[in-house]
Amino acid sequence: MTAKVIVACGSGVATSQTVASKVNRLLKEAKVDADVQAVDLKSVDRHLTDAAAYITIVRENKPRSVPVINGIAFLTGMGQDQELAKLIEAIKASGSN
């Protein structure tokens, strides 16, 4: 079963789409099978029910039921390797890969 990864920014359009496509590419390069979906912030909770991880572009202090990954790292490149490693670990821990 393919792991689901949710990416969200304020509107769910430009920034989250950019991060989602970059994460998709990085995961493919790492040979990790995942379905990366960009959603808007308002619908995040609905999408997290069966997700392996949540990549957020906005700062929020809301506790989540899945590992939260810093999406800014994928935009700037700073800290990207660490966040990608955390994401891959979360996907593997979810048992979906």
PDB file of N, CA and C in Angstrom:
ATOM      1  N   MET A   1       0.834  -1.191   0.000  1.00  0.00           N
ATOM      2  CA  MET A   1       0.000   0.000   0.000  1.00  0.00           C
ATOM      3  C   MET A   1       0.881   1.257   0.000  1.00  0.00           C
ATOM      4  N   THR A   2       0.510   2.213  -0.795  1.00  0.00           N
ATOM      5  CA  THR A   2       1.280   3.447  -0.906  1.00  0.00           C
ATOM      6  C   THR A   2       0.974   4.375   0.272  1.00  0.00           C
ATOM      7  N   ALA A   3       2.026   4.921   0.858  1.00  0.00           N
ATOM      8  CA  ALA A   3       1.858   5.866   1.964  1.00  0.00           C
ATOM      9  C   ALA A   3       1.323   7.180   1.426  1.00  0.00           C
ATOM     10  N   LYS A   4       0.446   7.814   2.198  1.00  0.00           N
ATOM     11  CA  LYS A   4      -0.102   9.109   1.802  1.00  0.00           C
ATOM     12  C   LYS A   4       0.608  10.196   2.609  1.00  0.00           C
ATOM     13  N   VAL A   5       1.064  11.224   1.918  1.00  0.00           N
ATOM     14  CA  VAL A   5       1.723  12.369   2.552  1.00  0.00           C
ATOM     15  C   VAL A   5       0.922  13.602   2.165  1.00  0.00           C
ATOM     16  N   ILE A   6       0.562  14.405   3.162  1.00  0.00           N
ATOM     17  CA  ILE A   6      -0.231  15.611   2.934  1.00  0.00           C
ATOM     18  C   ILE A   6       0.670  16.841   3.022  1.00  0.00           C
ATOM     19  N   VAL A   7       0.516  17.747   2.069  1.00  0.00           N
ATOM     20  CA  VAL A   7       1.235  19.026   2.078  1.00  0.00           C
ATOM     21  C   VAL A   7       0.187  20.124   2.109  1.00  0.00           C
ATOM     22  N   ALA A   8       0.344  21.092   3.023  1.00  0.00           N
ATOM     23  CA  ALA A   8      -0.631  22.180   3.070  1.00  0.00           C
ATOM     24  C   ALA A   8       0.028  23.531   3.297  1.00  0.00           C
ATOM     25  N   CYS A   9      -0.523  24.529   2.603  1.00  0.00           N
ATOM     26  CA  CYS A   9      -0.177  25.924   2.860  1.00  0.00           C
ATOM     27  C   CYS A   9      -1.502  26.642   3.062  1.00  0.00           C
ATOM     28  N   GLY A  10      -1.469  27.922   3.212  1.00  0.00           N
ATOM     29  CA  GLY A  10      -2.688  28.671   3.473  1.00  0.00           C
ATOM     30  C   GLY A  10      -3.809  28.424   2.481  1.00  0.00           C
ATOM     31  N   SER A  11      -3.505  28.492   1.186  1.00  0.00           N
ATOM     32  CA  SER A  11      -4.560  28.351   0.182  1.00  0.00           C
ATOM     33  C   SER A  11      -4.592  26.988  -0.485  1.00  0.00           C
ATOM     34  N   GLY A  12      -3.524  26.217  -0.356  1.00  0.00           N
ATOM     35  CA  GLY A  12      -3.474  24.912  -0.991  1.00  0.00           C
ATOM     36  C   GLY A  12      -3.204  24.985  -2.478  1.00  0.00           C
ATOM     37  N   VAL A  13      -2.711  26.133  -2.932  1.00  0.00           N
ATOM     38  CA  VAL A  13      -2.486  26.260  -4.365  1.00  0.00           C
ATOM     39  C   VAL A  13      -0.989  26.289  -4.660  1.00  0.00           C
ATOM     40  N   ALA A  14      -0.415  27.452  -4.842  1.00  0.00           N
ATOM     41  CA  ALA A  14       0.943  27.557  -5.373  1.00  0.00           C
ATOM     42  C   ALA A  14       2.020  26.904  -4.511  1.00  0.00           C
ATOM     43  N   THR A  15       2.159  27.344  -3.269  1.00  0.00           N
ATOM     44  CA  THR A  15       3.273  26.884  -2.448  1.00  0.00           C
ATOM     45  C   THR A  15       3.187  25.399  -2.149  1.00  0.00           C
ATOM     46  N   SER A  16       2.030  24.922  -1.757  1.00  0.00           N
ATOM     47  CA  SER A  16       1.915  23.507  -1.425  1.00  0.00           C
ATOM     48  C   SER A  16       2.104  22.631  -2.664  1.00  0.00           C
ATOM     49  N   GLN A  17       1.652  23.108  -3.830  1.00  0.00           N
ATOM     50  CA  GLN A  17       1.866  22.358  -5.075  1.00  0.00           C
ATOM     51  C   GLN A  17       3.350  22.263  -5.397  1.00  0.00           C
ATOM     52  N   THR A  18       4.060  23.375  -5.201  1.00  0.00           N
ATOM     53  CA  THR A  18       5.503  23.408  -5.461  1.00  0.00           C
ATOM     54  C   THR A  18       6.219  22.416  -4.548  1.00  0.00           C
ATOM     55  N   VAL A  19       5.902  22.466  -3.259  1.00  0.00           N
ATOM     56  CA  VAL A  19       6.541  21.568  -2.288  1.00  0.00           C
ATOM     57  C   VAL A  19       6.157  20.119  -2.578  1.00  0.00           C
ATOM     58  N   ALA A  20       4.886  19.874  -2.880  1.00  0.00           N
ATOM     59  CA  ALA A  20       4.434  18.508  -3.154  1.00  0.00           C
ATOM     60  C   ALA A  20       5.182  17.910  -4.340  1.00  0.00           C
ATOM     61  N   SER A  21       5.357  18.673  -5.418  1.00  0.00           N
ATOM     62  CA  SER A  21       6.042  18.111  -6.580  1.00  0.00           C
ATOM     63  C   SER A  21       7.522  17.885  -6.283  1.00  0.00           C
ATOM     64  N   LYS A  22       8.133  18.772  -5.514  1.00  0.00           N
ATOM     65  CA  LYS A  22       9.543  18.586  -5.158  1.00  0.00           C
ATOM     66  C   LYS A  22       9.707  17.353  -4.261  1.00  0.00           C
ATOM     67  N   VAL A  23       8.830  17.210  -3.268  1.00  0.00           N
ATOM     68  CA  VAL A  23       8.894  16.068  -2.355  1.00  0.00           C
ATOM     69  C   VAL A  23       8.655  14.782  -3.138  1.00  0.00           C
ATOM     70  N   ASN A  24       7.708  14.795  -4.055  1.00  0.00           N
ATOM     71  CA  ASN A  24       7.443  13.638  -4.904  1.00  0.00           C
ATOM     72  C   ASN A  24       8.705  13.196  -5.633  1.00  0.00           C
ATOM     73  N   ARG A  25       9.391  14.172  -6.213  1.00  0.00           N
ATOM     74  CA  ARG A  25      10.620  13.885  -6.961  1.00  0.00           C
ATOM     75  C   ARG A  25      11.701  13.327  -6.036  1.00  0.00           C
ATOM     76  N   LEU A  26      11.881  13.956  -4.867  1.00  0.00           N
ATOM     77  CA  LEU A  26      12.900  13.506  -3.913  1.00  0.00           C
ATOM     78  C   LEU A  26      12.619  12.097  -3.413  1.00  0.00           C
ATOM     79  N   LEU A  27      11.344  11.797  -3.162  1.00  0.00           N
ATOM     80  CA  LEU A  27      10.981  10.455  -2.692  1.00  0.00           C
ATOM     81  C   LEU A  27      11.216   9.419  -3.791  1.00  0.00           C
ATOM     82  N   LYS A  28      10.894   9.784  -5.040  1.00  0.00           N
ATOM     83  CA  LYS A  28      11.142   8.864  -6.161  1.00  0.00           C
ATOM     84  C   LYS A  28      12.632   8.565  -6.282  1.00  0.00           C
ATOM     85  N   GLU A  29      13.459   9.629  -6.150  1.00  0.00           N
ATOM     86  CA  GLU A  29      14.913   9.459  -6.231  1.00  0.00           C
ATOM     87  C   GLU A  29      15.409   8.544  -5.115  1.00  0.00           C
ATOM     88  N   ALA A  30      14.736   8.614  -3.954  1.00  0.00           N
ATOM     89  CA  ALA A  30      15.122   7.783  -2.799  1.00  0.00           C
ATOM     90  C   ALA A  30      14.441   6.410  -2.865  1.00  0.00           C
ATOM     91  N   LYS A  31      13.704   6.174  -3.944  1.00  0.00           N
ATOM     92  CA  LYS A  31      12.970   4.917  -4.149  1.00  0.00           C
ATOM     93  C   LYS A  31      11.972   4.622  -3.029  1.00  0.00           C
ATOM     94  N   VAL A  32      11.293   5.693  -2.592  1.00  0.00           N
ATOM     95  CA  VAL A  32      10.257   5.576  -1.576  1.00  0.00           C
ATOM     96  C   VAL A  32       8.914   5.824  -2.254  1.00  0.00           C
ATOM     97  N   ASP A  33       8.002   4.884  -2.101  1.00  0.00           N
ATOM     98  CA  ASP A  33       6.702   4.973  -2.752  1.00  0.00           C
ATOM     99  C   ASP A  33       5.734   5.753  -1.868  1.00  0.00           C
ATOM    100  N   ALA A  34       5.261   6.888  -2.362  1.00  0.00           N
ATOM    101  CA  ALA A  34       4.314   7.698  -1.585  1.00  0.00           C
ATOM    102  C   ALA A  34       3.427   8.502  -2.522  1.00  0.00           C
ATOM    103  N   ASP A  35       2.232   8.776  -2.041  1.00  0.00           N
ATOM    104  CA  ASP A  35       1.275   9.597  -2.764  1.00  0.00           C
ATOM    105  C   ASP A  35       1.257  10.948  -2.058  1.00  0.00           C
ATOM    106  N   VAL A  36       1.906  11.952  -2.648  1.00  0.00           N
ATOM    107  CA  VAL A  36       2.014  13.272  -2.035  1.00  0.00           C
ATOM    108  C   VAL A  36       0.883  14.146  -2.554  1.00  0.00           C
ATOM    109  N   GLN A  37       0.038  14.634  -1.637  1.00  0.00           N
ATOM    110  CA  GLN A  37      -1.135  15.423  -2.020  1.00  0.00           C
ATOM    111  C   GLN A  37      -1.081  16.816  -1.416  1.00  0.00           C
ATOM    112  N   ALA A  38      -1.305  17.827  -2.250  1.00  0.00           N
ATOM    113  CA  ALA A  38      -1.384  19.211  -1.772  1.00  0.00           C
ATOM    114  C   ALA A  38      -2.846  19.534  -1.474  1.00  0.00           C
ATOM    115  N   VAL A  39      -3.091  20.049  -0.274  1.00  0.00           N
ATOM    116  CA  VAL A  39      -4.453  20.412   0.125  1.00  0.00           C
ATOM    117  C   VAL A  39      -4.441  21.793   0.763  1.00  0.00           C
ATOM    118  N   ASP A  40      -5.623  22.386   0.925  1.00  0.00           N
ATOM    119  CA  ASP A  40      -5.659  23.678   1.612  1.00  0.00           C
ATOM    120  C   ASP A  40      -5.747  23.433   3.120  1.00  0.00           C
ATOM    121  N   LEU A  41      -5.346  24.436   3.862  1.00  0.00           N
ATOM    122  CA  LEU A  41      -5.254  24.324   5.320  1.00  0.00           C
ATOM    123  C   LEU A  41      -6.581  23.941   5.971  1.00  0.00           C
ATOM    124  N   LYS A  42      -7.678  24.424   5.411  1.00  0.00           N
ATOM    125  CA  LYS A  42      -8.988  24.151   6.014  1.00  0.00           C
ATOM    126  C   LYS A  42      -9.362  22.671   5.964  1.00  0.00           C
ATOM    127  N   SER A  43      -8.850  21.945   4.989  1.00  0.00           N
ATOM    128  CA  SER A  43      -9.245  20.536   4.868  1.00  0.00           C
ATOM    129  C   SER A  43      -8.174  19.556   5.346  1.00  0.00           C
ATOM    130  N   VAL A  44      -7.129  20.052   5.986  1.00  0.00           N
ATOM    131  CA  VAL A  44      -6.038  19.184   6.443  1.00  0.00           C
ATOM    132  C   VAL A  44      -6.529  18.043   7.330  1.00  0.00           C
ATOM    133  N   ASP A  45      -7.316  18.355   8.345  1.00  0.00           N
ATOM    134  CA  ASP A  45      -7.741  17.329   9.308  1.00  0.00           C
ATOM    135  C   ASP A  45      -8.406  16.137   8.625  1.00  0.00           C
ATOM    136  N   ARG A  46      -9.226  16.428   7.652  1.00  0.00           N
ATOM    137  CA  ARG A  46      -9.913  15.377   6.905  1.00  0.00           C
ATOM    138  C   ARG A  46      -8.925  14.444   6.193  1.00  0.00           C
ATOM    139  N   HIS A  47      -7.871  15.019   5.643  1.00  0.00           N
ATOM    140  CA  HIS A  47      -6.901  14.250   4.866  1.00  0.00           C
ATOM    141  C   HIS A  47      -5.893  13.500   5.734  1.00  0.00           C
ATOM    142  N   LEU A  48      -5.730  13.924   6.976  1.00  0.00           N
ATOM    143  CA  LEU A  48      -4.705  13.305   7.826  1.00  0.00           C
ATOM    144  C   LEU A  48      -5.107  11.944   8.385  1.00  0.00           C
ATOM    145  N   THR A  49      -6.375  11.578   8.308  1.00  0.00           N
ATOM    146  CA  THR A  49      -6.828  10.343   8.949  1.00  0.00           C
ATOM    147  C   THR A  49      -6.014   9.119   8.556  1.00  0.00           C
ATOM    148  N   ASP A  50      -5.626   8.996   7.291  1.00  0.00           N
ATOM    149  CA  ASP A  50      -4.854   7.820   6.889  1.00  0.00           C
ATOM    150  C   ASP A  50      -3.499   8.209   6.286  1.00  0.00           C
ATOM    151  N   ALA A  51      -2.975   9.376   6.684  1.00  0.00           N
ATOM    152  CA  ALA A  51      -1.696   9.851   6.156  1.00  0.00           C
ATOM    153  C   ALA A  51      -0.526   9.351   7.004  1.00  0.00           C
ATOM    154  N   ALA A  52       0.619   9.195   6.352  1.00  0.00           N
ATOM    155  CA  ALA A  52       1.845   8.784   7.049  1.00  0.00           C
ATOM    156  C   ALA A  52       2.549  10.005   7.651  1.00  0.00           C
ATOM    157  N   ALA A  53       2.381  11.166   7.012  1.00  0.00           N
ATOM    158  CA  ALA A  53       3.047  12.385   7.493  1.00  0.00           C
ATOM    159  C   ALA A  53       2.336  13.611   6.934  1.00  0.00           C
ATOM    160  N   TYR A  54       2.630  14.735   7.578  1.00  0.00           N
ATOM    161  CA  TYR A  54       2.039  16.017   7.203  1.00  0.00           C
ATOM    162  C   TYR A  54       3.151  17.031   7.026  1.00  0.00           C
ATOM    163  N   ILE A  55       3.273  17.583   5.833  1.00  0.00           N
ATOM    164  CA  ILE A  55       4.268  18.623   5.554  1.00  0.00           C
ATOM    165  C   ILE A  55       3.541  19.950   5.573  1.00  0.00           C
ATOM    166  N   THR A  56       3.921  20.807   6.516  1.00  0.00           N
ATOM    167  CA  THR A  56       3.235  22.090   6.634  1.00  0.00           C
ATOM    168  C   THR A  56       4.154  23.238   6.237  1.00  0.00           C
ATOM    169  N   ILE A  57       3.589  24.211   5.568  1.00  0.00           N
ATOM    170  CA  ILE A  57       4.341  25.382   5.149  1.00  0.00           C
ATOM    171  C   ILE A  57       4.076  26.543   6.102  1.00  0.00           C
ATOM    172  N   VAL A  58       2.961  26.481   6.812  1.00  0.00           N
ATOM    173  CA  VAL A  58       2.648  27.538   7.778  1.00  0.00           C
ATOM    174  C   VAL A  58       2.987  27.058   9.189  1.00  0.00           C
ATOM    175  N   ARG A  59       3.302  28.002  10.054  1.00  0.00           N
ATOM    176  CA  ARG A  59       3.576  27.633  11.442  1.00  0.00           C
ATOM    177  C   ARG A  59       2.251  27.472  12.168  1.00  0.00           C
ATOM    178  N   GLU A  60       2.068  26.315  12.743  1.00  0.00           N
ATOM    179  CA  GLU A  60       0.870  26.114  13.556  1.00  0.00           C
ATOM    180  C   GLU A  60       1.259  25.281  14.768  1.00  0.00           C
ATOM    181  N   ASN A  61       0.644  25.572  15.874  1.00  0.00           N
ATOM    182  CA  ASN A  61       0.971  24.870  17.111  1.00  0.00           C
ATOM    183  C   ASN A  61      -0.090  23.847  17.478  1.00  0.00           C
ATOM    184  N   LYS A  62      -0.761  23.355  16.462  1.00  0.00           N
ATOM    185  CA  LYS A  62      -1.839  22.404  16.680  1.00  0.00           C
ATOM    186  C   LYS A  62      -1.247  20.991  16.734  1.00  0.00           C
ATOM    187  N   PRO A  63      -1.569  20.234  17.774  1.00  0.00           N
ATOM    188  CA  PRO A  63      -1.045  18.858  17.804  1.00  0.00           C
ATOM    189  C   PRO A  63      -1.667  18.018  16.693  1.00  0.00           C
ATOM    190  N   ARG A  64      -0.865  17.185  16.082  1.00  0.00           N
ATOM    191  CA  ARG A  64      -1.330  16.349  14.974  1.00  0.00           C
ATOM    192  C   ARG A  64      -1.116  14.875  15.316  1.00  0.00           C
ATOM    193  N   SER A  65      -1.898  14.021  14.698  1.00  0.00           N
ATOM    194  CA  SER A  65      -1.816  12.587  14.968  1.00  0.00           C
ATOM    195  C   SER A  65      -0.728  11.896  14.138  1.00  0.00           C
ATOM    196  N   VAL A  66      -0.105  12.633  13.238  1.00  0.00           N
ATOM    197  CA  VAL A  66       0.954  12.082  12.392  1.00  0.00           C
ATOM    198  C   VAL A  66       2.200  12.963  12.511  1.00  0.00           C
ATOM    199  N   PRO A  67       3.385  12.454  12.144  1.00  0.00           N
ATOM    200  CA  PRO A  67       4.593  13.289  12.185  1.00  0.00           C
ATOM    201  C   PRO A  67       4.435  14.533  11.312  1.00  0.00           C
ATOM    202  N   VAL A  68       4.877  15.670  11.839  1.00  0.00           N
ATOM    203  CA  VAL A  68       4.783  16.941  11.110  1.00  0.00           C
ATOM    204  C   VAL A  68       6.171  17.311  10.601  1.00  0.00           C
ATOM    205  N   ILE A  69       6.257  17.562   9.312  1.00  0.00           N
ATOM    206  CA  ILE A  69       7.518  17.884   8.644  1.00  0.00           C
ATOM    207  C   ILE A  69       7.496  19.355   8.238  1.00  0.00           C
ATOM    208  N   ASN A  70       8.651  20.023   8.388  1.00  0.00           N
ATOM    209  CA  ASN A  70       8.760  21.445   8.046  1.00  0.00           C
ATOM    210  C   ASN A  70       8.873  21.621   6.532  1.00  0.00           C
ATOM    211  N   GLY A  71       7.801  22.131   5.932  1.00  0.00           N
ATOM    212  CA  GLY A  71       7.761  22.312   4.483  1.00  0.00           C
ATOM    213  C   GLY A  71       8.631  23.445   3.976  1.00  0.00           C
ATOM    214  N   ILE A  72       8.948  24.411   4.842  1.00  0.00           N
ATOM    215  CA  ILE A  72       9.786  25.547   4.432  1.00  0.00           C
ATOM    216  C   ILE A  72      11.151  25.039   3.955  1.00  0.00           C
ATOM    217  N   ALA A  73      11.627  23.971   4.584  1.00  0.00           N
ATOM    218  CA  ALA A  73      12.931  23.407   4.206  1.00  0.00           C
ATOM    219  C   ALA A  73      12.953  22.997   2.739  1.00  0.00           C
ATOM    220  N   PHE A  74      11.819  22.519   2.217  1.00  0.00           N
ATOM    221  CA  PHE A  74      11.768  22.104   0.813  1.00  0.00           C
ATOM    222  C   PHE A  74      11.674  23.306  -0.126  1.00  0.00           C
ATOM    223  N   LEU A  75      11.211  24.437   0.396  1.00  0.00           N
ATOM    224  CA  LEU A  75      11.157  25.662  -0.410  1.00  0.00           C
ATOM    225  C   LEU A  75      12.527  26.322  -0.487  1.00  0.00           C
ATOM    226  N   THR A  76      13.203  26.394   0.661  1.00  0.00           N
ATOM    227  CA  THR A  76      14.472  27.120   0.730  1.00  0.00           C
ATOM    228  C   THR A  76      15.677  26.231   0.480  1.00  0.00           C
ATOM    229  N   GLY A  77      15.513  24.928   0.725  1.00  0.00           N
ATOM    230  CA  GLY A  77      16.656  24.022   0.605  1.00  0.00           C
ATOM    231  C   GLY A  77      17.442  23.914   1.902  1.00  0.00           C
ATOM    232  N   MET A  78      17.204  24.845   2.829  1.00  0.00           N
ATOM    233  CA  MET A  78      17.924  24.831   4.104  1.00  0.00           C
ATOM    234  C   MET A  78      17.283  23.816   5.055  1.00  0.00           C
ATOM    235  N   GLY A  79      18.059  22.805   5.444  1.00  0.00           N
ATOM    236  CA  GLY A  79      17.535  21.774   6.334  1.00  0.00           C
ATOM    237  C   GLY A  79      16.718  20.725   5.596  1.00  0.00           C
ATOM    238  N   GLN A  80      16.751  20.780   4.267  1.00  0.00           N
ATOM    239  CA  GLN A  80      15.931  19.872   3.464  1.00  0.00           C
ATOM    240  C   GLN A  80      16.296  18.403   3.700  1.00  0.00           C
ATOM    241  N   ASP A  81      17.594  18.111   3.771  1.00  0.00           N
ATOM    242  CA  ASP A  81      18.015  16.718   3.936  1.00  0.00           C
ATOM    243  C   ASP A  81      17.482  16.120   5.234  1.00  0.00           C
ATOM    244  N   GLN A  82      17.534  16.913   6.322  1.00  0.00           N
ATOM    245  CA  GLN A  82      17.034  16.425   7.615  1.00  0.00           C
ATOM    246  C   GLN A  82      15.532  16.192   7.567  1.00  0.00           C
ATOM    247  N   GLU A  83      14.795  17.119   6.961  1.00  0.00           N
ATOM    248  CA  GLU A  83      13.343  16.985   6.881  1.00  0.00           C
ATOM    249  C   GLU A  83      12.958  15.810   5.976  1.00  0.00           C
ATOM    250  N   LEU A  84      13.706  15.615   4.892  1.00  0.00           N
ATOM    251  CA  LEU A  84      13.448  14.485   4.001  1.00  0.00           C
ATOM    252  C   LEU A  84      13.697  13.166   4.746  1.00  0.00           C
ATOM    253  N   ALA A  85      14.759  13.123   5.532  1.00  0.00           N
ATOM    254  CA  ALA A  85      15.063  11.914   6.314  1.00  0.00           C
ATOM    255  C   ALA A  85      13.934  11.633   7.308  1.00  0.00           C
ATOM    256  N   LYS A  86      13.428  12.687   7.958  1.00  0.00           N
ATOM    257  CA  LYS A  86      12.304  12.519   8.894  1.00  0.00           C
ATOM    258  C   LYS A  86      11.066  12.006   8.165  1.00  0.00           C
ATOM    259  N   LEU A  87      10.826  12.528   6.959  1.00  0.00           N
ATOM    260  CA  LEU A  87       9.672  12.119   6.169  1.00  0.00           C
ATOM    261  C   LEU A  87       9.776  10.640   5.775  1.00  0.00           C
ATOM    262  N   ILE A  88      10.943  10.247   5.290  1.00  0.00           N
ATOM    263  CA  ILE A  88      11.140   8.850   4.882  1.00  0.00           C
ATOM    264  C   ILE A  88      10.961   7.926   6.088  1.00  0.00           C
ATOM    265  N   GLU A  89      11.488   8.344   7.225  1.00  0.00           N
ATOM    266  CA  GLU A  89      11.338   7.559   8.460  1.00  0.00           C
ATOM    267  C   GLU A  89       9.862   7.409   8.826  1.00  0.00           C
ATOM    268  N   ALA A  90       9.101   8.487   8.715  1.00  0.00           N
ATOM    269  CA  ALA A  90       7.660   8.454   9.036  1.00  0.00           C
ATOM    270  C   ALA A  90       6.920   7.523   8.079  1.00  0.00           C
ATOM    271  N   ILE A  91       7.291   7.567   6.806  1.00  0.00           N
ATOM    272  CA  ILE A  91       6.646   6.705   5.818  1.00  0.00           C
ATOM    273  C   ILE A  91       6.935   5.234   6.138  1.00  0.00           C
ATOM    274  N   LYS A  92       8.208   4.945   6.455  1.00  0.00           N
ATOM    275  CA  LYS A  92       8.572   3.562   6.793  1.00  0.00           C
ATOM    276  C   LYS A  92       7.881   3.108   8.066  1.00  0.00           C
ATOM    277  N   ALA A  93       7.794   4.002   9.053  1.00  0.00           N
ATOM    278  CA  ALA A  93       7.158   3.658  10.333  1.00  0.00           C
ATOM    279  C   ALA A  93       5.666   3.417  10.165  1.00  0.00           C
ATOM    280  N   SER A  94       5.073   4.020   9.140  1.00  0.00           N
ATOM    281  CA  SER A  94       3.633   3.850   8.932  1.00  0.00           C
ATOM    282  C   SER A  94       3.310   2.463   8.388  1.00  0.00           C
ATOM    283  N   GLY A  95       4.352   1.761   7.965  1.00  0.00           N
ATOM    284  CA  GLY A  95       4.152   0.413   7.453  1.00  0.00           C
ATOM    285  C   GLY A  95       3.591   0.367   6.055  1.00  0.00           C
ATOM    286  N   SER A  96       3.540   1.511   5.396  1.00  0.00           N
ATOM    287  CA  SER A  96       2.956   1.558   4.049  1.00  0.00           C
ATOM    288  C   SER A  96       3.973   1.291   2.962  1.00  0.00           C
ATOM    289  N   ASN A  97       5.234   1.144   3.356  1.00  0.00           N
ATOM    290  CA  ASN A  97       6.237   0.990   2.312  1.00  0.00           C
ATOM    291  C   ASN A  97       6.997  -0.300   2.457  1.00  0.00           C
TER     292      ASN A  97
END
